[in-house]
Amino acid sequence: MAERIHRQLTRPCDIGVVRPVTVGLSLGYATGLLSQVSLDDLMHQADARSYAVKRGGGGVLGPGERVHRQPAATPSLGRRAVAR
């Protein structure tokens, strides 16, 4: 599903200027049972995967691809909003 979202959001878009506009996007996601992992851990994993994708040139980090947990280089604005 993440690949489909990425394809749709990165399609060239005609906004009435000389040529279509394209948007770059890096998606990272994490899955797990909340009985086994905290929401904060899932958010951190998704955030880390998003930055790993960005370092790799953009796109989507696919299932089974792992990122080692490290402190985020940039604070995540959405983590607290989602946790509330």
Protein backbone atom coordinates (compact mmCIF):
# COMPACT_ATOMS: atom_id res chain seq x y z
CA MET A 1 0.00 0.00 0.00
CA ALA A 2 2.85 2.42 0.77
CA GLU A 3 4.16 2.03 -2.78
CA ARG A 4 0.72 2.91 -4.20
CA ILE A 5 0.49 5.99 -1.97
CA HIS A 6 3.98 7.03 -3.07
CA ARG A 7 3.14 6.60 -6.77
CA GLN A 8 -0.04 8.67 -6.46
CA LEU A 9 1.55 11.52 -4.51
CA THR A 10 4.62 11.78 -6.74
CA ARG A 11 2.79 11.83 -10.09
CA PRO A 12 3.39 15.02 -12.12
CA CYS A 13 0.58 17.49 -11.42
CA ASP A 14 -0.60 20.17 -13.85
CA ILE A 15 -1.21 23.36 -11.85
CA GLY A 16 -1.40 25.69 -14.84
CA VAL A 17 2.26 26.66 -15.09
CA VAL A 18 4.67 25.99 -17.97
CA ARG A 19 5.14 22.32 -17.13
CA PRO A 20 3.75 19.83 -14.61
CA VAL A 21 5.04 20.04 -11.04
CA THR A 22 6.48 16.97 -9.33
CA VAL A 23 6.85 16.38 -5.61
CA GLY A 24 9.51 14.30 -3.90
CA LEU A 25 8.36 12.09 -1.07
CA SER A 26 10.00 9.65 1.34
CA LEU A 27 7.73 7.24 3.23
CA GLY A 28 8.65 5.12 6.20
CA TYR A 29 6.24 2.87 8.05
CA ALA A 30 6.28 0.37 10.89
CA THR A 31 3.92 -2.39 11.95
CA GLY A 32 3.50 -4.26 15.18
CA LEU A 33 1.06 -5.37 17.84
CA LEU A 34 0.47 -2.69 20.45
CA SER A 35 0.47 -5.46 23.06
CA GLN A 36 4.13 -6.12 22.16
CA VAL A 37 5.50 -2.68 21.23
CA SER A 38 4.64 0.87 22.28
CA LEU A 39 3.17 3.47 19.97
CA ASP A 40 6.27 5.61 20.62
CA ASP A 41 8.52 2.75 19.42
CA LEU A 42 6.41 2.30 16.27
CA MET A 43 6.54 6.04 15.56
CA HIS A 44 10.31 6.04 16.07
CA GLN A 45 10.73 3.07 13.70
CA ALA A 46 8.60 4.75 11.01
CA ASP A 47 10.51 8.02 11.47
CA ALA A 48 13.89 6.24 11.22
CA ARG A 49 12.76 4.40 8.07
CA SER A 50 11.58 7.65 6.51
CA TYR A 51 15.01 9.24 7.05
CA ALA A 52 16.74 6.09 5.74
CA VAL A 53 14.66 6.34 2.56
CA LYS A 54 15.50 10.03 2.25
CA ARG A 55 19.24 9.27 2.56
CA GLY A 56 18.82 6.64 -0.15
CA GLY A 57 17.27 9.09 -2.60
CA GLY A 58 13.56 8.88 -1.75
CA GLY A 59 10.82 6.36 -2.24
CA VAL A 60 9.48 3.76 0.17
CA LEU A 61 11.34 1.46 2.56
CA GLY A 62 9.80 -1.91 1.77
CA PRO A 63 8.67 -4.64 4.13
CA GLY A 64 11.48 -6.58 5.74
CA GLU A 65 14.04 -3.79 5.29
CA ARG A 66 15.46 -2.90 8.67
CA VAL A 67 16.84 0.28 10.16
CA HIS A 68 18.84 0.22 13.38
CA ARG A 69 17.37 2.42 16.08
CA GLN A 70 19.30 5.66 16.42
CA PRO A 71 18.31 9.05 17.81
CA ALA A 72 16.48 11.04 15.14
CA ALA A 73 18.62 13.74 13.53
CA THR A 74 15.60 16.03 13.22
CA PRO A 75 12.70 16.25 15.68
CA SER A 76 9.46 14.71 14.49
CA LEU A 77 6.52 17.11 14.59
CA GLY A 78 3.86 14.43 14.31
CA ARG A 79 4.92 12.02 17.04
CA ARG A 80 3.33 13.89 19.97
CA ALA A 81 0.21 14.77 18.00
CA VAL A 82 -0.40 11.10 17.13
CA ALA A 83 0.36 9.89 20.67
CA ARG A 84 -2.28 12.20 22.20
